[in-house]
PDB file of N, CA and C in Angstrom:
ATOM      1  N   UNK A   1     121.889 101.464 123.411  1.00  0.00           N
ATOM      2  CA  UNK A   1     121.777 100.336 122.521  1.00  0.00           C
ATOM      3  C   UNK A   1     121.442 100.851 121.122  1.00  0.00           C
ATOM      4  N   UNK A   2     122.187 100.444 120.100  1.00  0.00           N
ATOM      5  CA  UNK A   2     121.905 100.936 118.750  1.00  0.00           C
ATOM      6  C   UNK A   2     120.606 100.370 118.200  1.00  0.00           C
ATOM      7  N   UNK A   3     119.948 101.197 117.387  1.00  0.00           N
ATOM      8  CA  UNK A   3     118.701 100.747 116.757  1.00  0.00           C
ATOM      9  C   UNK A   3     118.996  99.709 115.697  1.00  0.00           C
ATOM     10  N   UNK A   4     118.152  98.688 115.651  1.00  0.00           N
ATOM     11  CA  UNK A   4     118.276  97.678 114.614  1.00  0.00           C
ATOM     12  C   UNK A   4     117.416  98.116 113.439  1.00  0.00           C
ATOM     13  N   UNK A   5     118.028  98.225 112.275  1.00  0.00           N
ATOM     14  CA  UNK A   5     117.283  98.654 111.092  1.00  0.00           C
ATOM     15  C   UNK A   5     116.665  97.444 110.414  1.00  0.00           C
ATOM     16  N   UNK A   6     115.416  97.597 110.021  1.00  0.00           N
ATOM     17  CA  UNK A   6     114.687  96.553 109.327  1.00  0.00           C
ATOM     18  C   UNK A   6     114.401  97.066 107.922  1.00  0.00           C
ATOM     19  N   UNK A   7     114.720  96.266 106.941  1.00  0.00           N
ATOM     20  CA  UNK A   7     114.474  96.704 105.563  1.00  0.00           C
ATOM     21  C   UNK A   7     112.980  96.679 105.261  1.00  0.00           C
ATOM     22  N   UNK A   8     112.598  97.458 104.290  1.00  0.00           N
ATOM     23  CA  UNK A   8     111.201  97.485 103.851  1.00  0.00           C
ATOM     24  C   UNK A   8     110.779  96.107 103.387  1.00  0.00           C
ATOM     25  N   UNK A   9     111.676  95.414 102.713  1.00  0.00           N
ATOM     26  CA  UNK A   9     111.377  94.070 102.223  1.00  0.00           C
ATOM     27  C   UNK A   9     111.093  93.111 103.380  1.00  0.00           C
ATOM     28  N   UNK A  10     111.904  93.180 104.432  1.00  0.00           N
ATOM     29  CA  UNK A  10     111.687  92.325 105.605  1.00  0.00           C
ATOM     30  C   UNK A  10     110.359  92.654 106.272  1.00  0.00           C
ATOM     31  N   UNK A  11     110.051  93.922 106.369  1.00  0.00           N
ATOM     32  CA  UNK A  11     108.800  94.352 106.989  1.00  0.00           C
ATOM     33  C   UNK A  11     107.601  93.868 106.183  1.00  0.00           C
ATOM     34  N   UNK A  12     107.664  94.011 104.872  1.00  0.00           N
ATOM     35  CA  UNK A  12     106.573  93.545 104.010  1.00  0.00           C
ATOM     36  C   UNK A  12     106.379  92.039 104.130  1.00  0.00           C
ATOM     37  N   UNK A  13     107.477  91.279 104.164  1.00  0.00           N
ATOM     38  CA  UNK A  13     107.385  89.829 104.312  1.00  0.00           C
ATOM     39  C   UNK A  13     106.726  89.472 105.635  1.00  0.00           C
ATOM     40  N   UNK A  14     107.090  90.183 106.674  1.00  0.00           N
ATOM     41  CA  UNK A  14     106.516  89.932 107.997  1.00  0.00           C
ATOM     42  C   UNK A  14     105.013  90.196 108.005  1.00  0.00           C
ATOM     43  N   UNK A  15     104.601  91.271 107.382  1.00  0.00           N
ATOM     44  CA  UNK A  15     103.179  91.612 107.314  1.00  0.00           C
ATOM     45  C   UNK A  15     102.420  90.554 106.522  1.00  0.00           C
ATOM     46  N   UNK A  16     102.976  90.115 105.409  1.00  0.00           N
ATOM     47  CA  UNK A  16     102.323  89.082 104.589  1.00  0.00           C
ATOM     48  C   UNK A  16     102.174  87.800 105.396  1.00  0.00           C
ATOM     49  N   UNK A  17     103.224  87.409 106.114  1.00  0.00           N
ATOM     50  CA  UNK A  17     103.162  86.192 106.931  1.00  0.00           C
ATOM     51  C   UNK A  17     102.112  86.300 108.024  1.00  0.00           C
ATOM     52  N   UNK A  18     102.033  87.459 108.671  1.00  0.00           N
ATOM     53  CA  UNK A  18     101.037  87.657 109.727  1.00  0.00           C
ATOM     54  C   UNK A  18      99.619  87.638 109.150  1.00  0.00           C
ATOM     55  N   UNK A  19      99.428  88.301 108.020  1.00  0.00           N
ATOM     56  CA  UNK A  19      98.100  88.304 107.384  1.00  0.00           C
ATOM     57  C   UNK A  19      97.706  86.881 106.994  1.00  0.00           C
ATOM     58  N   UNK A  20      98.653  86.132 106.429  1.00  0.00           N
ATOM     59  CA  UNK A  20      98.378  84.743 106.046  1.00  0.00           C
ATOM     60  C   UNK A  20      98.004  83.901 107.261  1.00  0.00           C
ATOM     61  N   UNK A  21      98.694  84.122 108.380  1.00  0.00           N
ATOM     62  CA  UNK A  21      98.380  83.394 109.606  1.00  0.00           C
ATOM     63  C   UNK A  21      96.939  83.671 110.030  1.00  0.00           C
ATOM     64  N   UNK A  22      96.574  84.943 110.126  1.00  0.00           N
ATOM     65  CA  UNK A  22      95.226  85.284 110.580  1.00  0.00           C
ATOM     66  C   UNK A  22      94.165  84.791 109.601  1.00  0.00           C
ATOM     67  N   UNK A  23      94.428  84.913 108.305  1.00  0.00           N
ATOM     68  CA  UNK A  23      93.457  84.416 107.319  1.00  0.00           C
ATOM     69  C   UNK A  23      93.267  82.908 107.470  1.00  0.00           C
ATOM     70  N   UNK A  24      94.335  82.166 107.599  1.00  0.00           N
ATOM     71  CA  UNK A  24      94.202  80.708 107.715  1.00  0.00           C
ATOM     72  C   UNK A  24      93.506  80.320 109.017  1.00  0.00           C
ATOM     73  N   UNK A  25      93.798  81.020 110.098  1.00  0.00           N
ATOM     74  CA  UNK A  25      93.133  80.722 111.369  1.00  0.00           C
ATOM     75  C   UNK A  25      91.638  81.038 111.295  1.00  0.00           C
ATOM     76  N   UNK A  26      91.295  82.155 110.678  1.00  0.00           N
ATOM     77  CA  UNK A  26      89.882  82.514 110.545  1.00  0.00           C
ATOM     78  C   UNK A  26      89.151  81.518 109.654  1.00  0.00           C
ATOM     79  N   UNK A  27      89.778  81.097 108.586  1.00  0.00           N
ATOM     80  CA  UNK A  27      89.165  80.079 107.725  1.00  0.00           C
ATOM     81  C   UNK A  27      88.949  78.783 108.492  1.00  0.00           C
ATOM     82  N   UNK A  28      89.917  78.439 109.332  1.00  0.00           N
ATOM     83  CA  UNK A  28      89.801  77.238 110.156  1.00  0.00           C
ATOM     84  C   UNK A  28      88.622  77.352 111.131  1.00  0.00           C
ATOM     85  N   UNK A  29      88.295  78.586 111.530  1.00  0.00           N
ATOM     86  CA  UNK A  29      87.172  78.844 112.432  1.00  0.00           C
ATOM     87  C   UNK A  29      85.851  79.003 111.653  1.00  0.00           C
ATOM     88  N   UNK A  30      85.894  78.706 110.345  1.00  0.00           N
ATOM     89  CA  UNK A  30      84.730  78.868 109.468  1.00  0.00           C
ATOM     90  C   UNK A  30      84.270  80.318 109.349  1.00  0.00           C
ATOM     91  N   UNK A  31      85.216  81.228 109.390  1.00  0.00           N
ATOM     92  CA  UNK A  31      84.925  82.650 109.192  1.00  0.00           C
ATOM     93  C   UNK A  31      85.453  83.016 107.814  1.00  0.00           C
ATOM     94  N   UNK A  32      84.554  83.410 106.916  1.00  0.00           N
ATOM     95  CA  UNK A  32      84.946  83.638 105.525  1.00  0.00           C
ATOM     96  C   UNK A  32      84.744  85.066 105.042  1.00  0.00           C
ATOM     97  N   UNK A  33      83.756  85.751 105.615  1.00  0.00           N
ATOM     98  CA  UNK A  33      83.374  87.058 105.093  1.00  0.00           C
ATOM     99  C   UNK A  33      82.857  87.919 106.256  1.00  0.00           C
ATOM    100  N   UNK A  34      83.155  89.201 106.219  1.00  0.00           N
ATOM    101  CA  UNK A  34      82.702  90.093 107.283  1.00  0.00           C
ATOM    102  C   UNK A  34      81.211  90.375 107.134  1.00  0.00           C
ATOM    103  N   UNK A  35      80.579  90.873 108.176  1.00  0.00           N
ATOM    104  CA  UNK A  35      79.157  91.239 108.062  1.00  0.00           C
ATOM    105  C   UNK A  35      78.911  92.290 106.976  1.00  0.00           C
ATOM    106  N   UNK A  36      79.943  93.069 106.657  1.00  0.00           N
ATOM    107  CA  UNK A  36      79.825  94.091 105.611  1.00  0.00           C
ATOM    108  C   UNK A  36      80.021  93.507 104.218  1.00  0.00           C
ATOM    109  N   UNK A  37      80.331  92.213 104.132  1.00  0.00           N
ATOM    110  CA  UNK A  37      80.501  91.568 102.844  1.00  0.00           C
ATOM    111  C   UNK A  37      81.924  91.565 102.311  1.00  0.00           C
ATOM    112  N   UNK A  38      82.886  91.948 103.143  1.00  0.00           N
ATOM    113  CA  UNK A  38      84.287  91.956 102.708  1.00  0.00           C
ATOM    114  C   UNK A  38      84.921  90.593 102.941  1.00  0.00           C
ATOM    115  N   UNK A  39      85.716  90.163 101.984  1.00  0.00           N
ATOM    116  CA  UNK A  39      86.405  88.891 102.114  1.00  0.00           C
ATOM    117  C   UNK A  39      87.728  89.101 102.845  1.00  0.00           C
ATOM    118  N   UNK A  40      88.262  88.012 103.388  1.00  0.00           N
ATOM    119  CA  UNK A  40      89.457  88.108 104.218  1.00  0.00           C
ATOM    120  C   UNK A  40      90.634  88.740 103.483  1.00  0.00           C
ATOM    121  N   UNK A  41      90.809  88.427 102.205  1.00  0.00           N
ATOM    122  CA  UNK A  41      91.954  88.967 101.478  1.00  0.00           C
ATOM    123  C   UNK A  41      91.875  90.491 101.313  1.00  0.00           C
ATOM    124  N   UNK A  42      90.695  91.068 101.532  1.00  0.00           N
ATOM    125  CA  UNK A  42      90.509  92.512 101.400  1.00  0.00           C
ATOM    126  C   UNK A  42      90.878  93.271 102.670  1.00  0.00           C
ATOM    127  N   UNK A  43      91.095  92.558 103.759  1.00  0.00           N
ATOM    128  CA  UNK A  43      91.280  93.195 105.054  1.00  0.00           C
ATOM    129  C   UNK A  43      92.740  93.478 105.364  1.00  0.00           C
ATOM    130  N   UNK A  44      92.953  94.532 106.137  1.00  0.00           N
ATOM    131  CA  UNK A  44      94.300  94.894 106.580  1.00  0.00           C
ATOM    132  C   UNK A  44      94.718  93.998 107.742  1.00  0.00           C
ATOM    133  N   UNK A  45      95.979  94.037 108.062  1.00  0.00           N
ATOM    134  CA  UNK A  45      96.481  93.255 109.188  1.00  0.00           C
ATOM    135  C   UNK A  45      95.762  93.609 110.493  1.00  0.00           C
ATOM    136  N   UNK A  46      95.606  94.892 110.837  1.00  0.00           N
ATOM    137  CA  UNK A  46      94.878  95.206 112.077  1.00  0.00           C
ATOM    138  C   UNK A  46      93.427  94.708 112.071  1.00  0.00           C
ATOM    139  N   UNK A  47      92.766  94.771 110.922  1.00  0.00           N
ATOM    140  CA  UNK A  47      91.392  94.280 110.832  1.00  0.00           C
ATOM    141  C   UNK A  47      91.351  92.764 111.048  1.00  0.00           C
ATOM    142  N   UNK A  48      92.256  92.046 110.398  1.00  0.00           N
ATOM    143  CA  UNK A  48      92.306  90.589 110.562  1.00  0.00           C
ATOM    144  C   UNK A  48      92.586  90.211 112.004  1.00  0.00           C
ATOM    145  N   UNK A  49      93.530  90.907 112.616  1.00  0.00           N
ATOM    146  CA  UNK A  49      93.893  90.615 114.002  1.00  0.00           C
ATOM    147  C   UNK A  49      92.710  90.859 114.939  1.00  0.00           C
ATOM    148  N   UNK A  50      91.999  91.950 114.724  1.00  0.00           N
ATOM    149  CA  UNK A  50      90.840  92.279 115.554  1.00  0.00           C
ATOM    150  C   UNK A  50      89.742  91.226 115.414  1.00  0.00           C
ATOM    151  N   UNK A  51      89.438  90.841 114.185  1.00  0.00           N
ATOM    152  CA  UNK A  51      88.403  89.826 113.951  1.00  0.00           C
ATOM    153  C   UNK A  51      88.829  88.496 114.574  1.00  0.00           C
ATOM    154  N   UNK A  52      90.088  88.131 114.392  1.00  0.00           N
ATOM    155  CA  UNK A  52      90.601  86.887 114.971  1.00  0.00           C
ATOM    156  C   UNK A  52      90.417  86.886 116.488  1.00  0.00           C
ATOM    157  N   UNK A  53      90.797  87.978 117.137  1.00  0.00           N
ATOM    158  CA  UNK A  53      90.669  88.054 118.594  1.00  0.00           C
ATOM    159  C   UNK A  53      89.212  87.980 119.031  1.00  0.00           C
ATOM    160  N   UNK A  54      88.326  88.622 118.292  1.00  0.00           N
ATOM    161  CA  UNK A  54      86.894  88.580 118.605  1.00  0.00           C
ATOM    162  C   UNK A  54      86.344  87.167 118.445  1.00  0.00           C
ATOM    163  N   UNK A  55      86.676  86.526 117.333  1.00  0.00           N
ATOM    164  CA  UNK A  55      86.185  85.167 117.078  1.00  0.00           C
ATOM    165  C   UNK A  55      86.755  84.166 118.075  1.00  0.00           C
ATOM    166  N   UNK A  56      88.004  84.365 118.443  1.00  0.00           N
ATOM    167  CA  UNK A  56      88.644  83.481 119.424  1.00  0.00           C
ATOM    168  C   UNK A  56      87.946  83.623 120.783  1.00  0.00           C
ATOM    169  N   UNK A  57      87.613  84.850 121.159  1.00  0.00           N
ATOM    170  CA  UNK A  57      86.906  85.083 122.418  1.00  0.00           C
ATOM    171  C   UNK A  57      85.511  84.456 122.386  1.00  0.00           C
ATOM    172  N   UNK A  58      84.823  84.566 121.252  1.00  0.00           N
ATOM    173  CA  UNK A  58      83.502  83.943 121.117  1.00  0.00           C
ATOM    174  C   UNK A  58      83.602  82.429 121.275  1.00  0.00           C
ATOM    175  N   UNK A  59      84.604  81.846 120.641  1.00  0.00           N
ATOM    176  CA  UNK A  59      84.790  80.384 120.724  1.00  0.00           C
ATOM    177  C   UNK A  59      85.094  79.969 122.145  1.00  0.00           C
ATOM    178  N   UNK A  60      85.864  80.773 122.848  1.00  0.00           N
ATOM    179  CA  UNK A  60      86.197  80.452 124.235  1.00  0.00           C
ATOM    180  C   UNK A  60      84.944  80.468 125.110  1.00  0.00           C
ATOM    181  N   UNK A  61      84.046  81.448 124.883  1.00  0.00           N
ATOM    182  CA  UNK A  61      82.805  81.535 125.656  1.00  0.00           C
ATOM    183  C   UNK A  61      81.917  80.330 125.409  1.00  0.00           C
ATOM    184  N   UNK A  62      81.877  79.874 124.154  1.00  0.00           N
ATOM    185  CA  UNK A  62      81.046  78.728 123.800  1.00  0.00           C
ATOM    186  C   UNK A  62      81.542  77.459 124.501  1.00  0.00           C
ATOM    187  N   UNK A  63      82.862  77.313 124.605  1.00  0.00           N
ATOM    188  CA  UNK A  63      83.437  76.111 125.179  1.00  0.00           C
ATOM    189  C   UNK A  63      83.553  76.140 126.691  1.00  0.00           C
ATOM    190  N   UNK A  64      83.281  77.293 127.284  1.00  0.00           N
ATOM    191  CA  UNK A  64      83.353  77.400 128.770  1.00  0.00           C
ATOM    192  C   UNK A  64      82.065  76.943 129.426  1.00  0.00           C
TER     193      UNK A  64
END
């Protein structure tokens, strides 16, 4: 199967969309700033994803 090439522009757009998703979800969860004092816009995609998963798990425990 031939490899599908993704342009840098498409990849950047995808990353921006994913970061925006995680930022909006975290804001919806009333999460605004990390314990280290960093704001959401300062975080990388992996950092946002990790925090989102942690906060989602915490919320699930509270509601169980």
